[in-house]
Amino acid sequence: MELKESFITLSNLRFHAFHGVLPQERVTGNDYVVSLKMGYDFSKAMDSDRVEDTLNYASVFEVVRQEMAVPCNLLERVAGRIGSQLFRSFPAIVSLHLSITKVNPPMGSDSDGAGVEVHLINDKT
């Protein structure tokens, strides 16, 4: 069997954070949902059944949690920080599809949220 592609996902991680351009967003914060799809060759783990042979998603979550705790004006900046730190911390990640949604954003509409989505390639691999 030949492995064509493999991905590790973290879906709908929920955070309360203090991102935004409005002063009130920095005081009260808002709820956010983050999802990641990481290109990662885990073929060795398919045979070994050892967490050491794959990307530990608990460690990935910790990086995302730390970056979400740093207030930024723009979600675009938050996405860039998360991507950069994941590629630095886990160089074997070859690609990252990341979405960040601000739940109930302060824009006077009834919506599920507003957010950003990026697809990044690790140019260091």
PDB file of N, CA and C in Angstrom:
ATOM      1  N   MET A   1       0.846  -1.169   0.000  1.00  0.00           N
ATOM      2  CA  MET A   1       0.000   0.000   0.000  1.00  0.00           C
ATOM      3  C   MET A   1       0.895   1.238   0.000  1.00  0.00           C
ATOM      4  N   GLU A   2       0.534   2.193  -0.825  1.00  0.00           N
ATOM      5  CA  GLU A   2       1.276   3.446  -0.917  1.00  0.00           C
ATOM      6  C   GLU A   2       0.428   4.577  -0.354  1.00  0.00           C
ATOM      7  N   LEU A   3       1.021   5.373   0.500  1.00  0.00           N
ATOM      8  CA  LEU A   3       0.332   6.518   1.085  1.00  0.00           C
ATOM      9  C   LEU A   3       0.462   7.709   0.141  1.00  0.00           C
ATOM     10  N   LYS A   4      -0.664   8.220  -0.313  1.00  0.00           N
ATOM     11  CA  LYS A   4      -0.641   9.376  -1.210  1.00  0.00           C
ATOM     12  C   LYS A   4      -0.573  10.678  -0.421  1.00  0.00           C
ATOM     13  N   GLU A   5      -1.472  10.846   0.517  1.00  0.00           N
ATOM     14  CA  GLU A   5      -1.507  12.033   1.366  1.00  0.00           C
ATOM     15  C   GLU A   5      -2.020  11.618   2.736  1.00  0.00           C
ATOM     16  N   SER A   6      -1.632  12.362   3.735  1.00  0.00           N
ATOM     17  CA  SER A   6      -2.174  12.124   5.073  1.00  0.00           C
ATOM     18  C   SER A   6      -2.311  13.466   5.789  1.00  0.00           C
ATOM     19  N   PHE A   7      -3.337  13.569   6.586  1.00  0.00           N
ATOM     20  CA  PHE A   7      -3.652  14.808   7.287  1.00  0.00           C
ATOM     21  C   PHE A   7      -4.014  14.500   8.731  1.00  0.00           C
ATOM     22  N   ILE A   8      -3.678  15.417   9.594  1.00  0.00           N
ATOM     23  CA  ILE A   8      -4.119  15.378  10.983  1.00  0.00           C
ATOM     24  C   ILE A   8      -5.002  16.602  11.173  1.00  0.00           C
ATOM     25  N   THR A   9      -6.165  16.397  11.772  1.00  0.00           N
ATOM     26  CA  THR A   9      -7.118  17.492  11.917  1.00  0.00           C
ATOM     27  C   THR A   9      -7.448  17.748  13.385  1.00  0.00           C
ATOM     28  N   LEU A  10      -7.719  18.991  13.664  1.00  0.00           N
ATOM     29  CA  LEU A  10      -8.303  19.418  14.932  1.00  0.00           C
ATOM     30  C   LEU A  10      -9.499  20.273  14.538  1.00  0.00           C
ATOM     31  N   SER A  11     -10.681  19.880  14.970  1.00  0.00           N
ATOM     32  CA  SER A  11     -11.904  20.524  14.491  1.00  0.00           C
ATOM     33  C   SER A  11     -12.632  21.272  15.600  1.00  0.00           C
ATOM     34  N   ASN A  12     -12.995  22.489  15.281  1.00  0.00           N
ATOM     35  CA  ASN A  12     -13.862  23.294  16.137  1.00  0.00           C
ATOM     36  C   ASN A  12     -13.339  23.461  17.560  1.00  0.00           C
ATOM     37  N   LEU A  13     -12.069  23.829  17.664  1.00  0.00           N
ATOM     38  CA  LEU A  13     -11.500  24.163  18.972  1.00  0.00           C
ATOM     39  C   LEU A  13     -12.119  25.482  19.423  1.00  0.00           C
ATOM     40  N   ARG A  14     -12.571  25.540  20.647  1.00  0.00           N
ATOM     41  CA  ARG A  14     -13.259  26.732  21.140  1.00  0.00           C
ATOM     42  C   ARG A  14     -12.374  27.500  22.124  1.00  0.00           C
ATOM     43  N   PHE A  15     -12.345  28.822  21.933  1.00  0.00           N
ATOM     44  CA  PHE A  15     -11.543  29.703  22.783  1.00  0.00           C
ATOM     45  C   PHE A  15     -12.333  30.962  23.105  1.00  0.00           C
ATOM     46  N   HIS A  16     -12.025  31.560  24.233  1.00  0.00           N
ATOM     47  CA  HIS A  16     -12.450  32.925  24.528  1.00  0.00           C
ATOM     48  C   HIS A  16     -11.172  33.751  24.481  1.00  0.00           C
ATOM     49  N   ALA A  17     -11.151  34.758  23.617  1.00  0.00           N
ATOM     50  CA  ALA A  17      -9.928  35.536  23.421  1.00  0.00           C
ATOM     51  C   ALA A  17     -10.283  37.006  23.206  1.00  0.00           C
ATOM     52  N   PHE A  18      -9.249  37.836  23.108  1.00  0.00           N
ATOM     53  CA  PHE A  18      -9.428  39.281  23.125  1.00  0.00           C
ATOM     54  C   PHE A  18      -8.877  39.942  21.869  1.00  0.00           C
ATOM     55  N   HIS A  19      -9.264  39.432  20.714  1.00  0.00           N
ATOM     56  CA  HIS A  19      -8.845  39.996  19.433  1.00  0.00           C
ATOM     57  C   HIS A  19      -9.897  40.987  18.945  1.00  0.00           C
ATOM     58  N   GLY A  20      -9.462  41.967  18.172  1.00  0.00           N
ATOM     59  CA  GLY A  20     -10.412  42.891  17.565  1.00  0.00           C
ATOM     60  C   GLY A  20      -9.901  44.315  17.582  1.00  0.00           C
ATOM     61  N   VAL A  21     -10.516  45.142  16.751  1.00  0.00           N
ATOM     62  CA  VAL A  21     -10.109  46.545  16.646  1.00  0.00           C
ATOM     63  C   VAL A  21     -10.921  47.457  17.563  1.00  0.00           C
ATOM     64  N   LEU A  22     -12.054  46.979  18.048  1.00  0.00           N
ATOM     65  CA  LEU A  22     -12.877  47.800  18.937  1.00  0.00           C
ATOM     66  C   LEU A  22     -12.386  47.671  20.377  1.00  0.00           C
ATOM     67  N   PRO A  23     -12.345  48.785  21.110  1.00  0.00           N
ATOM     68  CA  PRO A  23     -11.873  48.732  22.501  1.00  0.00           C
ATOM     69  C   PRO A  23     -12.632  47.709  23.353  1.00  0.00           C
ATOM     70  N   GLN A  24     -13.932  47.605  23.147  1.00  0.00           N
ATOM     71  CA  GLN A  24     -14.738  46.679  23.947  1.00  0.00           C
ATOM     72  C   GLN A  24     -14.317  45.224  23.728  1.00  0.00           C
ATOM     73  N   GLU A  25     -13.843  44.902  22.518  1.00  0.00           N
ATOM     74  CA  GLU A  25     -13.407  43.530  22.242  1.00  0.00           C
ATOM     75  C   GLU A  25     -12.177  43.167  23.065  1.00  0.00           C
ATOM     76  N   ARG A  26     -11.368  44.158  23.391  1.00  0.00           N
ATOM     77  CA  ARG A  26     -10.168  43.921  24.202  1.00  0.00           C
ATOM     78  C   ARG A  26     -10.516  43.804  25.687  1.00  0.00           C
ATOM     79  N   VAL A  27     -11.714  44.278  26.071  1.00  0.00           N
ATOM     80  CA  VAL A  27     -12.136  44.219  27.473  1.00  0.00           C
ATOM     81  C   VAL A  27     -12.944  42.958  27.746  1.00  0.00           C
ATOM     82  N   THR A  28     -13.989  42.747  26.954  1.00  0.00           N
ATOM     83  CA  THR A  28     -14.881  41.608  27.210  1.00  0.00           C
ATOM     84  C   THR A  28     -14.485  40.364  26.436  1.00  0.00           C
ATOM     85  N   GLY A  29     -13.761  40.538  25.346  1.00  0.00           N
ATOM     86  CA  GLY A  29     -13.376  39.392  24.530  1.00  0.00           C
ATOM     87  C   GLY A  29     -14.534  38.846  23.722  1.00  0.00           C
ATOM     88  N   ASN A  30     -14.274  37.730  23.076  1.00  0.00           N
ATOM     89  CA  ASN A  30     -15.282  37.098  22.236  1.00  0.00           C
ATOM     90  C   ASN A  30     -14.955  35.618  22.153  1.00  0.00           C
ATOM     91  N   ASP A  31     -15.913  34.854  21.675  1.00  0.00           N
ATOM     92  CA  ASP A  31     -15.704  33.423  21.474  1.00  0.00           C
ATOM     93  C   ASP A  31     -15.236  33.177  20.047  1.00  0.00           C
ATOM     94  N   TYR A  32     -14.325  32.219  19.906  1.00  0.00           N
ATOM     95  CA  TYR A  32     -13.719  31.881  18.620  1.00  0.00           C
ATOM     96  C   TYR A  32     -13.735  30.377  18.430  1.00  0.00           C
ATOM     97  N   VAL A  33     -13.802  29.975  17.167  1.00  0.00           N
ATOM     98  CA  VAL A  33     -13.714  28.567  16.799  1.00  0.00           C
ATOM     99  C   VAL A  33     -12.570  28.430  15.803  1.00  0.00           C
ATOM    100  N   VAL A  34     -11.655  27.504  16.082  1.00  0.00           N
ATOM    101  CA  VAL A  34     -10.476  27.295  15.244  1.00  0.00           C
ATOM    102  C   VAL A  34     -10.468  25.850  14.764  1.00  0.00           C
ATOM    103  N   SER A  35     -10.236  25.656  13.471  1.00  0.00           N
ATOM    104  CA  SER A  35     -10.086  24.314  12.901  1.00  0.00           C
ATOM    105  C   SER A  35      -8.811  24.265  12.079  1.00  0.00           C
ATOM    106  N   LEU A  36      -8.127  23.115  12.139  1.00  0.00           N
ATOM    107  CA  LEU A  36      -6.865  22.930  11.427  1.00  0.00           C
ATOM    108  C   LEU A  36      -6.875  21.603  10.689  1.00  0.00           C
ATOM    109  N   LYS A  37      -6.272  21.616   9.518  1.00  0.00           N
ATOM    110  CA  LYS A  37      -6.009  20.394   8.751  1.00  0.00           C
ATOM    111  C   LYS A  37      -4.546  20.477   8.331  1.00  0.00           C
ATOM    112  N   MET A  38      -3.732  19.602   8.903  1.00  0.00           N
ATOM    113  CA  MET A  38      -2.284  19.664   8.694  1.00  0.00           C
ATOM    114  C   MET A  38      -1.814  18.511   7.831  1.00  0.00           C
ATOM    115  N   GLY A  39      -1.127  18.843   6.754  1.00  0.00           N
ATOM    116  CA  GLY A  39      -0.489  17.823   5.935  1.00  0.00           C
ATOM    117  C   GLY A  39       0.719  17.282   6.681  1.00  0.00           C
ATOM    118  N   TYR A  40       0.727  15.975   6.923  1.00  0.00           N
ATOM    119  CA  TYR A  40       1.779  15.376   7.747  1.00  0.00           C
ATOM    120  C   TYR A  40       1.896  13.902   7.379  1.00  0.00           C
ATOM    121  N   ASP A  41       3.101  13.459   7.134  1.00  0.00           N
ATOM    122  CA  ASP A  41       3.331  12.054   6.777  1.00  0.00           C
ATOM    123  C   ASP A  41       3.361  11.207   8.045  1.00  0.00           C
ATOM    124  N   PHE A  42       2.264  10.526   8.306  1.00  0.00           N
ATOM    125  CA  PHE A  42       2.231   9.655   9.482  1.00  0.00           C
ATOM    126  C   PHE A  42       2.264   8.175   9.100  1.00  0.00           C
ATOM    127  N   SER A  43       2.868   7.881   7.956  1.00  0.00           N
ATOM    128  CA  SER A  43       2.932   6.489   7.491  1.00  0.00           C
ATOM    129  C   SER A  43       3.656   5.583   8.481  1.00  0.00           C
ATOM    130  N   LYS A  44       4.677   6.089   9.139  1.00  0.00           N
ATOM    131  CA  LYS A  44       5.397   5.271  10.122  1.00  0.00           C
ATOM    132  C   LYS A  44       4.475   4.869  11.276  1.00  0.00           C
ATOM    133  N   ALA A  45       3.643   5.792  11.728  1.00  0.00           N
ATOM    134  CA  ALA A  45       2.716   5.508  12.829  1.00  0.00           C
ATOM    135  C   ALA A  45       1.633   4.511  12.427  1.00  0.00           C
ATOM    136  N   MET A  46       1.321   4.448  11.144  1.00  0.00           N
ATOM    137  CA  MET A  46       0.324   3.475  10.684  1.00  0.00           C
ATOM    138  C   MET A  46       0.790   2.053  10.968  1.00  0.00           C
ATOM    139  N   ASP A  47       2.104   1.847  10.935  1.00  0.00           N
ATOM    140  CA  ASP A  47       2.663   0.524  11.213  1.00  0.00           C
ATOM    141  C   ASP A  47       3.037   0.344  12.681  1.00  0.00           C
ATOM    142  N   SER A  48       3.572   1.394  13.300  1.00  0.00           N
ATOM    143  CA  SER A  48       4.135   1.240  14.646  1.00  0.00           C
ATOM    144  C   SER A  48       3.117   1.359  15.774  1.00  0.00           C
ATOM    145  N   ASP A  49       2.046   2.138  15.553  1.00  0.00           N
ATOM    146  CA  ASP A  49       1.053   2.411  16.590  1.00  0.00           C
ATOM    147  C   ASP A  49       1.674   3.148  17.781  1.00  0.00           C
ATOM    148  N   ARG A  50       2.668   3.993  17.499  1.00  0.00           N
ATOM    149  CA  ARG A  50       3.365   4.746  18.550  1.00  0.00           C
ATOM    150  C   ARG A  50       3.165   6.244  18.324  1.00  0.00           C
ATOM    151  N   VAL A  51       2.755   6.944  19.368  1.00  0.00           N
ATOM    152  CA  VAL A  51       2.528   8.380  19.256  1.00  0.00           C
ATOM    153  C   VAL A  51       3.819   9.118  18.893  1.00  0.00           C
ATOM    154  N   GLU A  52       4.955   8.557  19.239  1.00  0.00           N
ATOM    155  CA  GLU A  52       6.237   9.180  18.902  1.00  0.00           C
ATOM    156  C   GLU A  52       6.472   9.238  17.391  1.00  0.00           C
ATOM    157  N   ASP A  53       5.734   8.438  16.635  1.00  0.00           N
ATOM    158  CA  ASP A  53       5.914   8.376  15.186  1.00  0.00           C
ATOM    159  C   ASP A  53       4.906   9.229  14.421  1.00  0.00           C
ATOM    160  N   THR A  54       4.236  10.117  15.132  1.00  0.00           N
ATOM    161  CA  THR A  54       3.259  10.978  14.480  1.00  0.00           C
ATOM    162  C   THR A  54       3.283  12.355  15.133  1.00  0.00           C
ATOM    163  N   LEU A  55       2.390  13.193  14.723  1.00  0.00           N
ATOM    164  CA  LEU A  55       2.244  14.527  15.286  1.00  0.00           C
ATOM    165  C   LEU A  55       1.246  14.442  16.434  1.00  0.00           C
ATOM    166  N   ASN A  56       1.689  14.765  17.613  1.00  0.00           N
ATOM    167  CA  ASN A  56       0.827  14.701  18.792  1.00  0.00           C
ATOM    168  C   ASN A  56      -0.129  15.897  18.766  1.00  0.00           C
ATOM    169  N   TYR A  57      -1.407  15.639  18.576  1.00  0.00           N
ATOM    170  CA  TYR A  57      -2.341  16.752  18.424  1.00  0.00           C
ATOM    171  C   TYR A  57      -2.539  17.529  19.713  1.00  0.00           C
ATOM    172  N   ALA A  58      -2.230  16.937  20.868  1.00  0.00           N
ATOM    173  CA  ALA A  58      -2.276  17.697  22.120  1.00  0.00           C
ATOM    174  C   ALA A  58      -1.200  18.785  22.123  1.00  0.00           C
ATOM    175  N   SER A  59      -0.051  18.493  21.554  1.00  0.00           N
ATOM    176  CA  SER A  59       1.022  19.489  21.447  1.00  0.00           C
ATOM    177  C   SER A  59       0.646  20.591  20.460  1.00  0.00           C
ATOM    178  N   VAL A  60      -0.021  20.217  19.380  1.00  0.00           N
ATOM    179  CA  VAL A  60      -0.502  21.209  18.414  1.00  0.00           C
ATOM    180  C   VAL A  60      -1.521  22.124  19.088  1.00  0.00           C
ATOM    181  N   PHE A  61      -2.451  21.534  19.834  1.00  0.00           N
ATOM    182  CA  PHE A  61      -3.452  22.333  20.543  1.00  0.00           C
ATOM    183  C   PHE A  61      -2.783  23.353  21.462  1.00  0.00           C
ATOM    184  N   GLU A  62      -1.737  22.949  22.151  1.00  0.00           N
ATOM    185  CA  GLU A  62      -1.059  23.855  23.080  1.00  0.00           C
ATOM    186  C   GLU A  62      -0.486  25.066  22.343  1.00  0.00           C
ATOM    187  N   VAL A  63       0.079  24.863  21.168  1.00  0.00           N
ATOM    188  CA  VAL A  63       0.589  25.983  20.367  1.00  0.00           C
ATOM    189  C   VAL A  63      -0.560  26.915  19.981  1.00  0.00           C
ATOM    190  N   VAL A  64      -1.666  26.351  19.516  1.00  0.00           N
ATOM    191  CA  VAL A  64      -2.820  27.168  19.128  1.00  0.00           C
ATOM    192  C   VAL A  64      -3.346  27.931  20.342  1.00  0.00           C
ATOM    193  N   ARG A  65      -3.454  27.264  21.483  1.00  0.00           N
ATOM    194  CA  ARG A  65      -3.940  27.909  22.710  1.00  0.00           C
ATOM    195  C   ARG A  65      -3.053  29.098  23.085  1.00  0.00           C
ATOM    196  N   GLN A  66      -1.746  28.916  23.027  1.00  0.00           N
ATOM    197  CA  GLN A  66      -0.820  30.000  23.370  1.00  0.00           C
ATOM    198  C   GLN A  66      -0.959  31.181  22.409  1.00  0.00           C
ATOM    199  N   GLU A  67      -1.091  30.911  21.125  1.00  0.00           N
ATOM    200  CA  GLU A  67      -1.213  31.999  20.145  1.00  0.00           C
ATOM    201  C   GLU A  67      -2.563  32.703  20.250  1.00  0.00           C
ATOM    202  N   MET A  68      -3.618  31.972  20.555  1.00  0.00           N
ATOM    203  CA  MET A  68      -4.932  32.599  20.717  1.00  0.00           C
ATOM    204  C   MET A  68      -4.960  33.513  21.939  1.00  0.00           C
ATOM    205  N   ALA A  69      -4.072  33.305  22.884  1.00  0.00           N
ATOM    206  CA  ALA A  69      -4.019  34.119  24.100  1.00  0.00           C
ATOM    207  C   ALA A  69      -3.321  35.460  23.886  1.00  0.00           C
ATOM    208  N   VAL A  70      -2.699  35.653  22.721  1.00  0.00           N
ATOM    209  CA  VAL A  70      -2.001  36.909  22.423  1.00  0.00           C
ATOM    210  C   VAL A  70      -2.959  37.823  21.656  1.00  0.00           C
ATOM    211  N   PRO A  71      -3.448  38.915  22.269  1.00  0.00           N
ATOM    212  CA  PRO A  71      -4.403  39.789  21.588  1.00  0.00           C
ATOM    213  C   PRO A  71      -3.815  40.417  20.320  1.00  0.00           C
ATOM    214  N   CYS A  72      -4.601  40.399  19.257  1.00  0.00           N
ATOM    215  CA  CYS A  72      -4.241  41.033  17.984  1.00  0.00           C
ATOM    216  C   CYS A  72      -5.448  41.806  17.475  1.00  0.00           C
ATOM    217  N   ASN A  73      -5.206  42.802  16.650  1.00  0.00           N
ATOM    218  CA  ASN A  73      -6.308  43.538  16.040  1.00  0.00           C
ATOM    219  C   ASN A  73      -7.064  42.671  15.041  1.00  0.00           C
ATOM    220  N   LEU A  74      -6.324  41.923  14.226  1.00  0.00           N
ATOM    221  CA  LEU A  74      -6.915  41.216  13.092  1.00  0.00           C
ATOM    222  C   LEU A  74      -6.775  39.706  13.213  1.00  0.00           C
ATOM    223  N   LEU A  75      -7.815  39.001  12.791  1.00  0.00           N
ATOM    224  CA  LEU A  75      -7.739  37.535  12.741  1.00  0.00           C
ATOM    225  C   LEU A  75      -6.705  37.082  11.720  1.00  0.00           C
ATOM    226  N   GLU A  76      -6.483  37.889  10.693  1.00  0.00           N
ATOM    227  CA  GLU A  76      -5.448  37.572   9.716  1.00  0.00           C
ATOM    228  C   GLU A  76      -4.086  37.434  10.402  1.00  0.00           C
ATOM    229  N   ARG A  77      -3.818  38.325  11.335  1.00  0.00           N
ATOM    230  CA  ARG A  77      -2.560  38.279  12.093  1.00  0.00           C
ATOM    231  C   ARG A  77      -2.515  37.044  12.996  1.00  0.00           C
ATOM    232  N   VAL A  78      -3.624  36.735  13.637  1.00  0.00           N
ATOM    233  CA  VAL A  78      -3.682  35.548  14.502  1.00  0.00           C
ATOM    234  C   VAL A  78      -3.400  34.298  13.673  1.00  0.00           C
ATOM    235  N   ALA A  79      -4.015  34.203  12.502  1.00  0.00           N
ATOM    236  CA  ALA A  79      -3.795  33.045  11.622  1.00  0.00           C
ATOM    237  C   ALA A  79      -2.328  32.941  11.223  1.00  0.00           C
ATOM    238  N   GLY A  80      -1.715  34.065  10.887  1.00  0.00           N
ATOM    239  CA  GLY A  80      -0.302  34.060  10.521  1.00  0.00           C
ATOM    240  C   GLY A  80       0.591  33.637  11.668  1.00  0.00           C
ATOM    241  N   ARG A  81       0.288  34.100  12.868  1.00  0.00           N
ATOM    242  CA  ARG A  81       1.072  33.719  14.050  1.00  0.00           C
ATOM    243  C   ARG A  81       0.949  32.222  14.322  1.00  0.00           C
ATOM    244  N   ILE A  82      -0.270  31.694  14.252  1.00  0.00           N
ATOM    245  CA  ILE A  82      -0.471  30.258  14.488  1.00  0.00           C
ATOM    246  C   ILE A  82       0.297  29.449  13.453  1.00  0.00           C
ATOM    247  N   GLY A  83       0.167  29.818  12.184  1.00  0.00           N
ATOM    248  CA  GLY A  83       0.868  29.089  11.125  1.00  0.00           C
ATOM    249  C   GLY A  83       2.371  29.113  11.310  1.00  0.00           C
ATOM    250  N   SER A  84       2.922  30.284  11.562  1.00  0.00           N
ATOM    251  CA  SER A  84       4.374  30.405  11.741  1.00  0.00           C
ATOM    252  C   SER A  84       4.866  29.569  12.913  1.00  0.00           C
ATOM    253  N   GLN A  85       4.148  29.638  14.023  1.00  0.00           N
ATOM    254  CA  GLN A  85       4.591  28.899  15.209  1.00  0.00           C
ATOM    255  C   GLN A  85       4.456  27.390  15.017  1.00  0.00           C
ATOM    256  N   LEU A  86       3.405  26.938  14.348  1.00  0.00           N
ATOM    257  CA  LEU A  86       3.266  25.500  14.093  1.00  0.00           C
ATOM    258  C   LEU A  86       4.387  24.997  13.196  1.00  0.00           C
ATOM    259  N   PHE A  87       4.719  25.747  12.152  1.00  0.00           N
ATOM    260  CA  PHE A  87       5.804  25.325  11.260  1.00  0.00           C
ATOM    261  C   PHE A  87       7.158  25.345  11.976  1.00  0.00           C
ATOM    262  N   ARG A  88       7.352  26.316  12.882  1.00  0.00           N
ATOM    263  CA  ARG A  88       8.602  26.351  13.662  1.00  0.00           C
ATOM    264  C   ARG A  88       8.666  25.188  14.649  1.00  0.00           C
ATOM    265  N   SER A  89       7.561  24.925  15.323  1.00  0.00           N
ATOM    266  CA  SER A  89       7.537  23.888  16.362  1.00  0.00           C
ATOM    267  C   SER A  89       7.537  22.478  15.793  1.00  0.00           C
ATOM    268  N   PHE A  90       6.927  22.305  14.628  1.00  0.00           N
ATOM    269  CA  PHE A  90       6.775  20.979  14.022  1.00  0.00           C
ATOM    270  C   PHE A  90       7.162  21.062  12.547  1.00  0.00           C
ATOM    271  N   PRO A  91       8.457  21.064  12.238  1.00  0.00           N
ATOM    272  CA  PRO A  91       8.915  21.261  10.859  1.00  0.00           C
ATOM    273  C   PRO A  91       8.408  20.212   9.876  1.00  0.00           C
ATOM    274  N   ALA A  92       7.963  19.058  10.358  1.00  0.00           N
ATOM    275  CA  ALA A  92       7.479  18.014   9.448  1.00  0.00           C
ATOM    276  C   ALA A  92       6.063  18.287   8.940  1.00  0.00           C
ATOM    277  N   ILE A  93       5.378  19.302   9.498  1.00  0.00           N
ATOM    278  CA  ILE A  93       4.090  19.704   8.930  1.00  0.00           C
ATOM    279  C   ILE A  93       4.386  20.328   7.571  1.00  0.00           C
ATOM    280  N   VAL A  94       3.814  19.772   6.504  1.00  0.00           N
ATOM    281  CA  VAL A  94       4.108  20.284   5.163  1.00  0.00           C
ATOM    282  C   VAL A  94       3.098  21.327   4.696  1.00  0.00           C
ATOM    283  N   SER A  95       1.882  21.266   5.239  1.00  0.00           N
ATOM    284  CA  SER A  95       0.868  22.244   4.855  1.00  0.00           C
ATOM    285  C   SER A  95      -0.108  22.425   6.009  1.00  0.00           C
ATOM    286  N   LEU A  96      -0.792  23.554   5.973  1.00  0.00           N
ATOM    287  CA  LEU A  96      -1.756  23.865   7.024  1.00  0.00           C
ATOM    288  C   LEU A  96      -2.946  24.571   6.404  1.00  0.00           C
ATOM    289  N   HIS A  97      -4.111  24.014   6.619  1.00  0.00           N
ATOM    290  CA  HIS A  97      -5.364  24.687   6.278  1.00  0.00           C
ATOM    291  C   HIS A  97      -5.969  25.085   7.618  1.00  0.00           C
ATOM    292  N   LEU A  98      -6.162  26.380   7.828  1.00  0.00           N
ATOM    293  CA  LEU A  98      -6.561  26.915   9.125  1.00  0.00           C
ATOM    294  C   LEU A  98      -7.738  27.853   8.954  1.00  0.00           C
ATOM    295  N   SER A  99      -8.736  27.694   9.800  1.00  0.00           N
ATOM    296  CA  SER A  99      -9.842  28.654   9.817  1.00  0.00           C
ATOM    297  C   SER A  99     -10.054  29.137  11.246  1.00  0.00           C
ATOM    298  N   ILE A 100     -10.332  30.428  11.357  1.00  0.00           N
ATOM    299  CA  ILE A 100     -10.651  31.048  12.642  1.00  0.00           C
ATOM    300  C   ILE A 100     -11.948  31.817  12.449  1.00  0.00           C
ATOM    301  N   THR A 101     -12.931  31.526  13.280  1.00  0.00           N
ATOM    302  CA  THR A 101     -14.221  32.209  13.211  1.00  0.00           C
ATOM    303  C   THR A 101     -14.486  32.936  14.518  1.00  0.00           C
ATOM    304  N   LYS A 102     -14.825  34.213  14.407  1.00  0.00           N
ATOM    305  CA  LYS A 102     -15.272  34.985  15.568  1.00  0.00           C
ATOM    306  C   LYS A 102     -16.783  34.793  15.659  1.00  0.00           C
ATOM    307  N   VAL A 103     -17.230  34.196  16.747  1.00  0.00           N
ATOM    308  CA  VAL A 103     -18.651  33.914  16.944  1.00  0.00           C
ATOM    309  C   VAL A 103     -19.349  35.215  17.353  1.00  0.00           C
ATOM    310  N   ASN A 104     -20.469  35.508  16.712  1.00  0.00           N
ATOM    311  CA  ASN A 104     -21.258  36.701  17.015  1.00  0.00           C
ATOM    312  C   ASN A 104     -20.406  37.978  17.006  1.00  0.00           C
ATOM    313  N   PRO A 105     -19.797  38.298  15.868  1.00  0.00           N
ATOM    314  CA  PRO A 105     -18.948  39.491  15.799  1.00  0.00           C
ATOM    315  C   PRO A 105     -19.774  40.773  15.926  1.00  0.00           C
ATOM    316  N   PRO A 106     -19.159  41.841  16.432  1.00  0.00           N
ATOM    317  CA  PRO A 106     -19.889  43.098  16.635  1.00  0.00           C
ATOM    318  C   PRO A 106     -20.061  43.872  15.330  1.00  0.00           C
ATOM    319  N   MET A 107     -20.976  43.393  14.480  1.00  0.00           N
ATOM    320  CA  MET A 107     -21.194  44.085  13.206  1.00  0.00           C
ATOM    321  C   MET A 107     -22.677  44.298  12.919  1.00  0.00           C
ATOM    322  N   GLY A 108     -23.515  44.118  13.930  1.00  0.00           N
ATOM    323  CA  GLY A 108     -24.929  44.416  13.778  1.00  0.00           C
ATOM    324  C   GLY A 108     -25.698  43.454  12.903  1.00  0.00           C
ATOM    325  N   SER A 109     -25.264  42.192  12.851  1.00  0.00           N
ATOM    326  CA  SER A 109     -25.995  41.219  12.041  1.00  0.00           C
ATOM    327  C   SER A 109     -26.257  39.967  12.864  1.00  0.00           C
ATOM    328  N   ASP A 110     -27.225  39.213  12.426  1.00  0.00           N
ATOM    329  CA  ASP A 110     -27.501  37.917  13.033  1.00  0.00           C
ATOM    330  C   ASP A 110     -26.771  36.883  12.186  1.00  0.00           C
ATOM    331  N   SER A 111     -25.657  36.367  12.701  1.00  0.00           N
ATOM    332  CA  SER A 111     -24.855  35.428  11.923  1.00  0.00           C
ATOM    333  C   SER A 111     -24.184  34.430  12.858  1.00  0.00           C
ATOM    334  N   ASP A 112     -23.688  33.371  12.264  1.00  0.00           N
ATOM    335  CA  ASP A 112     -22.929  32.387  13.040  1.00  0.00           C
ATOM    336  C   ASP A 112     -21.527  32.888  13.342  1.00  0.00           C
ATOM    337  N   GLY A 113     -21.024  33.783  12.520  1.00  0.00           N
ATOM    338  CA  GLY A 113     -19.693  34.308  12.763  1.00  0.00           C
ATOM    339  C   GLY A 113     -19.065  34.888  11.518  1.00  0.00           C
ATOM    340  N   ALA A 114     -17.909  35.482  11.722  1.00  0.00           N
ATOM    341  CA  ALA A 114     -17.087  36.011  10.636  1.00  0.00           C
ATOM    342  C   ALA A 114     -15.665  35.551  10.907  1.00  0.00           C
ATOM    343  N   GLY A 115     -14.917  35.306   9.845  1.00  0.00           N
ATOM    344  CA  GLY A 115     -13.577  34.801  10.102  1.00  0.00           C
ATOM    345  C   GLY A 115     -12.671  34.818   8.899  1.00  0.00           C
ATOM    346  N   VAL A 116     -11.560  34.115   9.065  1.00  0.00           N
ATOM    347  CA  VAL A 116     -10.551  33.993   8.020  1.00  0.00           C
ATOM    348  C   VAL A 116     -10.218  32.523   7.821  1.00  0.00           C
ATOM    349  N   GLU A 117      -9.733  32.234   6.637  1.00  0.00           N
ATOM    350  CA  GLU A 117      -9.311  30.876   6.294  1.00  0.00           C
ATOM    351  C   GLU A 117      -8.058  31.001   5.431  1.00  0.00           C
ATOM    352  N   VAL A 118      -7.025  30.238   5.777  1.00  0.00           N
ATOM    353  CA  VAL A 118      -5.781  30.279   5.012  1.00  0.00           C
ATOM    354  C   VAL A 118      -5.307  28.867   4.721  1.00  0.00           C
ATOM    355  N   HIS A 119      -4.591  28.728   3.618  1.00  0.00           N
ATOM    356  CA  HIS A 119      -3.901  27.481   3.295  1.00  0.00           C
ATOM    357  C   HIS A 119      -2.436  27.845   3.134  1.00  0.00           C
ATOM    358  N   LEU A 120      -1.614  27.353   4.057  1.00  0.00           N
ATOM    359  CA  LEU A 120      -0.194  27.694   4.089  1.00  0.00           C
ATOM    360  C   LEU A 120       0.651  26.476   3.752  1.00  0.00           C
ATOM    361  N   ILE A 121       1.753  26.711   3.077  1.00  0.00           N
ATOM    362  CA  ILE A 121       2.712  25.658   2.739  1.00  0.00           C
ATOM    363  C   ILE A 121       3.995  25.941   3.513  1.00  0.00           C
ATOM    364  N   ASN A 122       4.543  24.923   4.143  1.00  0.00           N
ATOM    365  CA  ASN A 122       5.803  25.070   4.866  1.00  0.00           C
ATOM    366  C   ASN A 122       6.942  25.063   3.851  1.00  0.00           C
ATOM    367  N   ASP A 123       7.475  26.230   3.565  1.00  0.00           N
ATOM    368  CA  ASP A 123       8.541  26.319   2.561  1.00  0.00           C
ATOM    369  C   ASP A 123       9.903  25.918   3.126  1.00  0.00           C
ATOM    370  N   LYS A 124       9.943  25.462   4.365  1.00  0.00           N
ATOM    371  CA  LYS A 124      11.196  24.997   4.973  1.00  0.00           C
ATOM    372  C   LYS A 124      11.354  23.482   4.873  1.00  0.00           C
ATOM    373  N   THR A 125      10.321  22.793   4.340  1.00  0.00           N
ATOM    374  CA  THR A 125      10.415  21.327   4.236  1.00  0.00           C
ATOM    375  C   THR A 125      10.970  20.924   2.894  1.00  0.00           C
TER     376      THR A 125
END
